[in-house]
Protein backbone atom coordinates (compact mmCIF):
# COMPACT_ATOMS: atom_id res chain seq x y z
CA UNK A 1 0.00 0.00 0.00
CA UNK A 2 2.87 2.38 0.78
CA UNK A 3 4.22 2.03 -2.76
CA UNK A 4 0.82 2.93 -4.23
CA UNK A 5 0.64 6.06 -2.10
CA UNK A 6 4.12 7.09 -3.25
CA UNK A 7 3.18 6.50 -6.88
CA UNK A 8 -0.02 8.51 -6.47
CA UNK A 9 1.82 11.45 -4.90
CA UNK A 10 4.50 11.44 -7.60
CA UNK A 11 1.95 11.23 -10.42
CA UNK A 12 -0.29 13.95 -8.97
CA UNK A 13 2.64 16.32 -8.45
CA UNK A 14 3.94 15.70 -11.98
CA UNK A 15 0.44 16.20 -13.37
CA UNK A 16 0.19 19.56 -11.59
CA UNK A 17 3.44 20.77 -13.17
CA UNK A 18 2.11 19.96 -16.62
CA UNK A 19 -1.42 21.26 -16.11
CA UNK A 20 -0.07 24.50 -14.68
CA UNK A 21 1.53 25.37 -18.00
CA UNK A 22 -1.61 24.43 -19.90
CA UNK A 23 -3.61 26.76 -17.65
CA UNK A 24 -1.25 29.65 -18.36
CA UNK A 25 -1.18 29.02 -22.11
CA UNK A 26 -4.95 28.65 -22.31
CA UNK A 27 -5.62 31.70 -20.16
CA UNK A 28 -2.96 33.95 -21.71
CA UNK A 29 -5.40 36.26 -23.50
CA UNK A 30 -7.59 36.66 -20.41
CA UNK A 31 -4.54 37.20 -18.20
CA UNK A 32 -3.19 39.85 -20.59
CA UNK A 33 -6.55 41.62 -20.70
CA UNK A 34 -7.18 41.54 -16.95
CA UNK A 35 -3.69 42.69 -15.98
CA UNK A 36 -3.22 45.04 -18.97
CA UNK A 37 -0.12 43.20 -20.15
CA UNK A 38 1.56 44.02 -23.43
CA UNK A 39 3.02 41.20 -25.53
CA UNK A 40 6.47 41.51 -23.95
CA UNK A 41 5.17 41.24 -20.38
CA UNK A 42 2.90 38.37 -21.33
CA UNK A 43 5.90 36.56 -22.79
CA UNK A 44 7.72 36.97 -19.48
CA UNK A 45 4.91 35.12 -17.70
CA UNK A 46 6.11 32.01 -19.54
CA UNK A 47 9.80 32.90 -19.73
CA UNK A 48 10.14 33.39 -15.97
CA UNK A 49 8.93 29.85 -15.32
CA UNK A 50 10.92 28.28 -18.13
CA UNK A 51 14.18 30.02 -17.24
CA UNK A 52 14.10 29.07 -13.57
CA UNK A 53 12.96 25.53 -14.34
CA UNK A 54 15.63 24.95 -16.97
CA UNK A 55 18.32 26.79 -15.07
CA UNK A 56 17.85 24.89 -11.82
CA UNK A 57 16.80 21.42 -12.99
CA UNK A 58 20.25 19.82 -12.90
CA UNK A 59 21.19 21.56 -9.66
CA UNK A 60 17.98 20.40 -8.00
CA UNK A 61 18.57 16.83 -9.13
CA UNK A 62 22.05 16.90 -7.64
CA UNK A 63 20.76 18.54 -4.46
CA UNK A 64 18.22 15.73 -4.12
CA UNK A 65 21.05 13.22 -4.28
CA UNK A 66 22.99 15.15 -1.64
CA UNK A 67 20.33 16.10 0.92
CA UNK A 68 17.64 13.51 0.33
CA UNK A 69 15.13 13.15 -2.44
CA UNK A 70 12.02 12.89 -0.28
CA UNK A 71 12.91 15.94 1.80
CA UNK A 72 13.72 18.06 -1.22
CA UNK A 73 10.60 16.82 -3.02
CA UNK A 74 8.51 18.06 -0.09
CA UNK A 75 10.27 21.44 -0.21
CA UNK A 76 9.55 21.62 -3.93
CA UNK A 77 5.87 20.89 -3.33
CA UNK A 78 5.63 23.68 -0.76
CA UNK A 79 7.44 26.16 -3.01
CA UNK A 80 5.33 25.24 -6.02
CA UNK A 81 2.09 25.31 -4.04
CA UNK A 82 2.72 28.69 -2.43
CA UNK A 83 3.90 30.16 -5.71
CA UNK A 84 0.77 28.84 -7.42
CA UNK A 85 -1.33 30.59 -4.80
CA UNK A 86 0.63 33.81 -5.35
CA UNK A 87 0.16 33.54 -9.12
CA UNK A 88 -3.56 33.00 -8.68
CA UNK A 89 -3.84 36.08 -6.47
CA UNK A 90 -1.48 38.32 -8.48
CA UNK A 91 -3.00 41.64 -9.47
CA UNK A 92 0.05 43.11 -11.20
CA UNK A 93 2.47 41.96 -13.86
CA UNK A 94 5.55 41.99 -11.59
CA UNK A 95 3.83 39.84 -8.97
CA UNK A 96 2.63 37.42 -11.63
CA UNK A 97 6.07 37.15 -13.22
CA UNK A 98 7.87 36.69 -9.89
CA UNK A 99 5.28 34.10 -8.89
CA UNK A 100 5.87 32.21 -12.13
CA UNK A 101 9.64 32.32 -11.56
CA UNK A 102 9.18 30.85 -8.09
CA UNK A 103 6.85 28.21 -9.55
CA UNK A 104 9.70 27.31 -11.89
CA UNK A 105 11.98 26.83 -8.89
CA UNK A 106 9.46 24.47 -7.31
CA UNK A 107 9.02 22.61 -10.58
CA UNK A 108 12.80 22.31 -10.99
CA UNK A 109 12.88 20.57 -7.63
CA UNK A 110 9.81 18.38 -8.13
CA UNK A 111 10.66 17.04 -11.59
CA UNK A 112 13.97 15.27 -10.87
CA UNK A 113 13.20 14.29 -7.30
CA UNK A 114 9.83 12.77 -8.20
CA UNK A 115 11.39 10.56 -10.84
CA UNK A 116 14.24 9.62 -8.50
CA UNK A 117 11.72 8.66 -5.83
CA UNK A 118 10.18 6.24 -8.31
CA UNK A 119 13.55 4.65 -9.04
CA UNK A 120 14.24 4.39 -5.31
CA UNK A 121 10.84 2.85 -4.54
CA UNK A 122 10.37 0.36 -7.36
CA UNK A 123 12.50 -2.31 -8.97
CA UNK A 124 12.28 -4.55 -12.01
CA UNK A 125 8.87 -4.93 -13.60
CA UNK A 126 7.22 -2.65 -11.04
CA UNK A 127 9.69 0.11 -11.91
CA UNK A 128 8.86 -0.32 -15.58
CA UNK A 129 5.15 0.05 -14.78
CA UNK A 130 5.75 3.09 -12.58
CA UNK A 131 7.80 4.80 -15.30
CA UNK A 132 5.06 3.94 -17.79
CA UNK A 133 2.47 5.63 -15.58
CA UNK A 134 4.80 8.61 -15.19
CA UNK A 135 5.15 8.92 -18.97
CA UNK A 136 1.41 8.52 -19.48
CA UNK A 137 0.79 11.27 -16.95
CA UNK A 138 2.99 13.56 -19.06
CA UNK A 139 0.72 12.96 -22.04
CA UNK A 140 -2.45 13.47 -20.04
CA UNK A 141 -1.23 16.57 -18.23
CA UNK A 142 0.15 18.24 -21.34
CA UNK A 143 -3.00 17.57 -23.34
CA UNK A 144 -5.34 19.36 -20.96
């Protein structure tokens, strides 16, 4: 049962990373209208997330190896969750962009540590299944 709970937590967190971007892309016009964003500022809503995610992904993976994957995964969830709340409540472009950058930090932590948790938890055929579910979740999350 413990392994199923771990798999569920990993898949849900990965799903949230993917759906978050879909929400931003889908809502871009409404966001730009509501916050009076020009094209350049609207672009930074995506860039801020992408730059911090890409810039910190390898470092976060290495940090997970050094300090503990589960602990860092939990930190990533808190960072991502609080940043998501901040993004949802943002009333100005700077707050939205900073919130997205912080979301990228959380995502950079969650992505490598979640996968590493799977490889720590499962072996053999069960690992293959878990990775299959992880990959399927990428397709589902990105398609929404």
